[in-house]
Amino acid sequence: MFKMLKEDIEVVFDQDPAARSRLEVILTYAGLHAIWSHRLAHALFKRKLYFIARIISQISRFFTGIEIHPGAKIGSRLFIDHGMGVVIGETCEIGDNVTIYQGVTLGGTGKEKGKRHPTVKDNALIATGAKVLGSITIGENSKIGGGSVVLKDVPPNSTVVGVPGRVVIQDGVKIKKDLNHSDLPDPIYDRFKAMEIEIQLLQQELNGLKEERSKVNVNSNI
C-alpha cells in the first residue's frame, strides 16, 4: 500500500509540469486527495463495511469535487488533473497509468445490477468533459477526446472524438470515414431537406400550370 501511495505522488510530477514540491502536491492536489480517500474507502468496501466506505467517499466528494464510488477498482499511478466534476461509478475498473481530466464521467446507462460501468485499460487518457457510459472497454493506450460521448468499446491504441464517439486514429493510422448523419441526427438539416422537397413539388406544379396556360393562349388565338 505504501508503495502505491508513493507512486500516486510520483505520477503527479510525471504528468504535471506545474508541480514543484512533494509538500505542495500532498497538500494542494485535489485529485491526489480523492485517490487516497478512495483507496481507504475501497479497502473498507471490500471488507463489507459499506456504510463507512460511503461516508468517506462522500466527505472526499465534498472537499475535492470528485466523486469515486468506493466499489470502483483503481490501479496504480492514476492521475486526475484538476478533477472538478469527475464521476467514477461503482463497477468501474481502471488500470495502471491512466490519466483523467476534469468533468469526466465514467457512468452507467441503466438501473441493472452487476457490471454496468466502463473498464479503462492501462495507459489510457480521457480528456476534459468526456462521457464514457455503460459496460464498455477502453483499450490500452487509447485517448478519448474532450467532450466526447463514448457508448461502444474502443480498440487499443485508438483516438476517439465526437458525439457519439468514433475512432479517428487507430495504431497511428487515420481512419477515413465520413460522418454518418443517421448516427448523429440533425433536426435543422432534416427540416431544410423537407423544405427543399416541398419547393421542388411546388415548382413542378407551377411548371404544369404554365404549360396549361400556354395551351389555352394558343387555342384562343386560333
Protein backbone atom coordinates (compact mmCIF):
# COMPACT_ATOMS: atom_id res chain seq x y z
CA MET A 1 0.00 0.00 0.00
CA PHE A 2 2.82 2.43 0.91
CA LYS A 3 4.47 1.77 -2.47
CA MET A 4 1.21 2.59 -4.27
CA LEU A 5 0.78 5.83 -2.31
CA LYS A 6 4.34 6.82 -3.24
CA GLU A 7 3.60 6.10 -6.91
CA ASP A 8 0.48 8.27 -6.69
CA ILE A 9 2.75 11.19 -5.79
CA GLU A 10 5.37 10.39 -8.42
CA VAL A 11 2.84 10.31 -11.26
CA VAL A 12 1.85 13.90 -10.48
CA PHE A 13 5.42 15.05 -11.21
CA ASP A 14 5.47 12.93 -14.38
CA GLN A 15 2.22 14.39 -15.71
CA ASP A 16 2.02 17.95 -14.37
CA PRO A 17 4.85 20.42 -15.12
CA ALA A 18 3.31 22.83 -12.59
CA ALA A 19 4.14 20.51 -9.67
CA ARG A 20 7.08 21.98 -7.74
CA SER A 21 7.48 20.07 -4.49
CA ARG A 22 6.18 16.99 -2.71
CA LEU A 23 4.73 19.13 0.06
CA GLU A 24 2.78 21.20 -2.45
CA VAL A 25 1.45 18.08 -4.17
CA ILE A 26 0.43 16.38 -0.92
CA LEU A 27 -1.33 19.45 0.47
CA THR A 28 -2.94 21.05 -2.59
CA TYR A 29 -3.72 18.44 -5.27
CA ALA A 30 -7.41 17.54 -5.03
CA GLY A 31 -7.02 14.65 -7.46
CA LEU A 32 -4.43 13.05 -5.20
CA HIS A 33 -6.64 13.58 -2.14
CA ALA A 34 -9.57 11.91 -3.92
CA ILE A 35 -7.46 8.91 -4.94
CA TRP A 36 -6.05 8.40 -1.46
CA SER A 37 -9.51 8.72 0.10
CA HIS A 38 -10.76 6.16 -2.39
CA ARG A 39 -8.01 3.69 -1.59
CA LEU A 40 -9.08 3.78 2.06
CA ALA A 41 -12.80 3.63 1.22
CA HIS A 42 -12.25 0.75 -1.22
CA ALA A 43 -10.34 -1.27 1.38
CA LEU A 44 -13.30 -0.88 3.75
CA PHE A 45 -15.77 -1.65 0.95
CA LYS A 46 -14.01 -4.97 0.25
CA ARG A 47 -14.43 -5.83 3.93
CA LYS A 48 -18.19 -5.18 3.55
CA LEU A 49 -18.04 -2.03 5.69
CA TYR A 50 -20.19 -0.35 3.07
CA PHE A 51 -21.65 2.45 5.19
CA ILE A 52 -18.30 3.68 6.49
CA ALA A 53 -16.84 3.44 2.99
CA ARG A 54 -19.65 5.58 1.58
CA ILE A 55 -19.25 8.16 4.33
CA ILE A 56 -15.55 8.51 3.46
CA SER A 57 -16.31 8.83 -0.26
CA GLN A 58 -18.96 11.50 0.42
CA ILE A 59 -16.58 13.51 2.61
CA SER A 60 -13.97 13.28 -0.14
CA ARG A 61 -16.53 14.43 -2.69
CA PHE A 62 -17.37 17.46 -0.55
CA PHE A 63 -13.74 18.57 -0.21
CA THR A 64 -12.41 17.65 -3.69
CA GLY A 65 -15.38 17.90 -6.06
CA ILE A 66 -14.52 14.39 -7.28
CA GLU A 67 -16.95 11.51 -6.80
CA ILE A 68 -15.49 8.00 -6.77
CA HIS A 69 -17.71 5.16 -5.62
CA PRO A 70 -15.86 3.02 -3.06
CA GLY A 71 -16.65 -0.08 -5.11
CA ALA A 72 -14.64 1.13 -8.11
CA LYS A 73 -11.37 -0.73 -8.76
CA ILE A 74 -8.43 1.59 -9.47
CA GLY A 75 -4.90 0.55 -10.39
CA SER A 76 -1.61 2.29 -9.66
CA ARG A 77 -0.48 5.72 -10.86
CA LEU A 78 -3.92 7.11 -11.69
CA PHE A 79 -3.61 10.86 -12.35
CA ILE A 80 -6.71 13.04 -12.02
CA ASP A 81 -5.78 16.51 -13.25
CA HIS A 82 -7.80 19.46 -11.88
CA GLY A 83 -10.53 16.93 -11.16
CA MET A 84 -13.60 19.06 -10.50
CA GLY A 85 -16.73 17.23 -11.65
CA VAL A 86 -15.13 13.82 -12.20
CA VAL A 87 -17.53 10.91 -11.53
CA ILE A 88 -16.39 7.27 -11.37
CA GLY A 89 -19.12 4.67 -10.89
CA GLU A 90 -19.33 1.62 -8.66
CA THR A 91 -18.37 -1.11 -11.14
CA CYS A 92 -15.66 0.86 -12.95
CA GLU A 93 -12.31 -0.83 -13.39
CA ILE A 94 -9.33 1.42 -14.11
CA GLY A 95 -5.91 0.04 -14.99
CA ASP A 96 -2.43 1.45 -14.38
CA ASN A 97 -1.05 4.79 -15.61
CA VAL A 98 -4.44 6.21 -16.58
CA THR A 99 -4.98 9.98 -16.86
CA ILE A 100 -8.38 11.61 -16.32
CA TYR A 101 -9.15 15.32 -16.69
CA GLN A 102 -11.86 17.46 -15.12
CA GLY A 103 -15.53 16.88 -15.90
CA VAL A 104 -15.11 13.25 -16.97
CA THR A 105 -17.91 10.78 -16.24
CA LEU A 106 -17.36 7.03 -16.15
CA GLY A 107 -21.01 6.17 -15.70
CA GLY A 108 -23.73 3.61 -16.25
CA THR A 109 -26.60 3.64 -18.72
CA GLY A 110 -29.33 1.89 -16.76
CA LYS A 111 -30.54 0.59 -13.42
CA GLU A 112 -29.44 -3.02 -13.91
CA LYS A 113 -27.30 -4.72 -11.28
CA GLY A 114 -23.89 -6.17 -11.98
CA LYS A 115 -21.22 -4.77 -14.27
CA ARG A 116 -22.65 -1.54 -15.71
CA HIS A 117 -19.74 0.90 -15.79
CA PRO A 118 -16.69 1.16 -18.07
CA THR A 119 -13.40 -0.70 -17.90
CA VAL A 120 -10.42 1.53 -18.70
CA LYS A 121 -7.23 -0.31 -19.61
CA ASP A 122 -3.62 0.69 -18.91
CA ASN A 123 -2.15 3.97 -20.21
CA ALA A 124 -5.47 5.38 -21.41
CA LEU A 125 -6.21 9.12 -21.36
CA ILE A 126 -9.70 10.60 -21.02
CA ALA A 127 -9.82 14.32 -21.76
CA THR A 128 -11.91 17.13 -20.31
CA GLY A 129 -15.67 16.64 -20.19
CA ALA A 130 -15.74 13.24 -21.89
CA LYS A 131 -18.57 10.85 -21.00
CA VAL A 132 -17.84 7.13 -21.13
CA LEU A 133 -21.05 5.25 -20.43
CA GLY A 134 -22.04 1.64 -19.95
CA SER A 135 -20.23 -1.66 -19.55
CA ILE A 136 -17.72 -0.97 -22.32
CA THR A 137 -13.95 -1.25 -22.55
CA ILE A 138 -11.46 1.49 -23.38
CA GLY A 139 -8.40 -0.29 -24.78
CA GLU A 140 -4.78 0.13 -23.77
CA ASN A 141 -3.02 3.36 -24.83
CA SER A 142 -6.26 4.87 -26.14
CA LYS A 143 -7.25 8.54 -25.95
CA ILE A 144 -10.77 9.93 -25.58
CA GLY A 145 -11.11 13.49 -26.87
CA GLY A 146 -12.58 16.31 -24.80
CA GLY A 147 -16.39 16.42 -24.77
CA SER A 148 -16.77 13.04 -26.48
CA VAL A 149 -19.61 10.68 -25.59
CA VAL A 150 -18.43 7.07 -25.84
CA LEU A 151 -21.03 4.28 -25.85
CA LYS A 152 -19.12 1.47 -27.58
CA ASP A 153 -15.87 -0.42 -26.99
CA VAL A 154 -12.70 1.39 -28.05
CA PRO A 155 -9.89 -0.74 -29.53
CA PRO A 156 -6.35 -0.46 -28.12
CA ASN A 157 -4.10 2.33 -29.44
CA SER A 158 -7.04 4.41 -30.67
CA THR A 159 -8.14 8.04 -30.55
CA VAL A 160 -11.86 8.74 -30.23
CA VAL A 161 -13.65 12.06 -30.73
CA GLY A 162 -17.19 13.34 -31.24
CA VAL A 163 -20.77 12.76 -30.17
CA PRO A 164 -21.27 9.87 -30.40
CA GLY A 165 -17.62 8.97 -30.14
CA ARG A 166 -15.94 7.49 -33.22
CA VAL A 167 -12.43 6.20 -33.80
CA VAL A 168 -10.39 8.64 -35.91
CA ILE A 169 -6.92 7.15 -35.34
CA GLN A 170 -6.02 3.51 -34.73
CA ASP A 171 -2.48 2.18 -34.39
CA GLY A 172 -1.19 5.53 -35.62
CA VAL A 173 -3.25 5.46 -38.83
CA LYS A 174 -6.09 7.90 -39.53
CA ILE A 175 -9.46 6.27 -40.12
CA LYS A 176 -11.05 7.78 -43.23
CA LYS A 177 -14.72 7.51 -42.51
CA ASP A 178 -17.40 10.02 -43.40
CA LEU A 179 -19.70 11.12 -40.62
CA ASN A 180 -22.91 9.10 -40.74
CA HIS A 181 -25.76 11.54 -40.21
CA SER A 182 -28.09 8.69 -39.32
CA ASP A 183 -25.99 8.18 -36.18
CA LEU A 184 -25.95 11.90 -35.41
CA PRO A 185 -29.44 13.33 -36.03
CA ASP A 186 -29.62 16.96 -37.13
CA PRO A 187 -33.21 18.29 -36.94
CA ILE A 188 -32.25 21.54 -38.70
CA TYR A 189 -30.76 19.63 -41.63
CA ASP A 190 -33.84 17.39 -41.78
CA ARG A 191 -36.17 20.41 -41.85
CA PHE A 192 -34.25 22.12 -44.64
CA LYS A 193 -34.28 18.86 -46.61
CA ALA A 194 -38.08 18.65 -46.23
CA MET A 195 -38.44 22.28 -47.35
CA GLU A 196 -36.28 21.56 -50.40
CA ILE A 197 -38.57 18.69 -51.40
CA GLU A 198 -41.67 20.89 -50.92
CA ILE A 199 -40.13 23.60 -53.13
CA GLN A 200 -39.40 21.04 -55.84
CA LEU A 201 -43.02 19.83 -55.78
CA LEU A 202 -44.34 23.39 -55.94
CA GLN A 203 -42.01 24.12 -58.87
CA GLN A 204 -43.36 21.08 -60.71
CA GLU A 205 -46.96 22.24 -60.13
CA LEU A 206 -46.07 25.75 -61.30
CA ASN A 207 -44.48 24.39 -64.47
CA GLY A 208 -47.62 22.36 -65.13
CA LEU A 209 -49.83 25.43 -64.73
CA LYS A 210 -47.60 27.39 -67.12
CA GLU A 211 -47.93 24.66 -69.75
CA GLU A 212 -51.73 24.61 -69.40
CA ARG A 213 -51.88 28.40 -69.68
CA SER A 214 -49.74 28.32 -72.82
CA LYS A 215 -52.08 25.78 -74.41
CA VAL A 216 -55.12 27.93 -73.54
CA ASN A 217 -53.49 31.00 -75.11
CA VAL A 218 -52.68 29.08 -78.28
CA ASN A 219 -56.25 27.80 -78.61
CA SER A 220 -57.74 31.27 -78.05
CA ASN A 221 -55.53 32.74 -80.80
CA ILE A 222 -56.74 30.10 -83.23
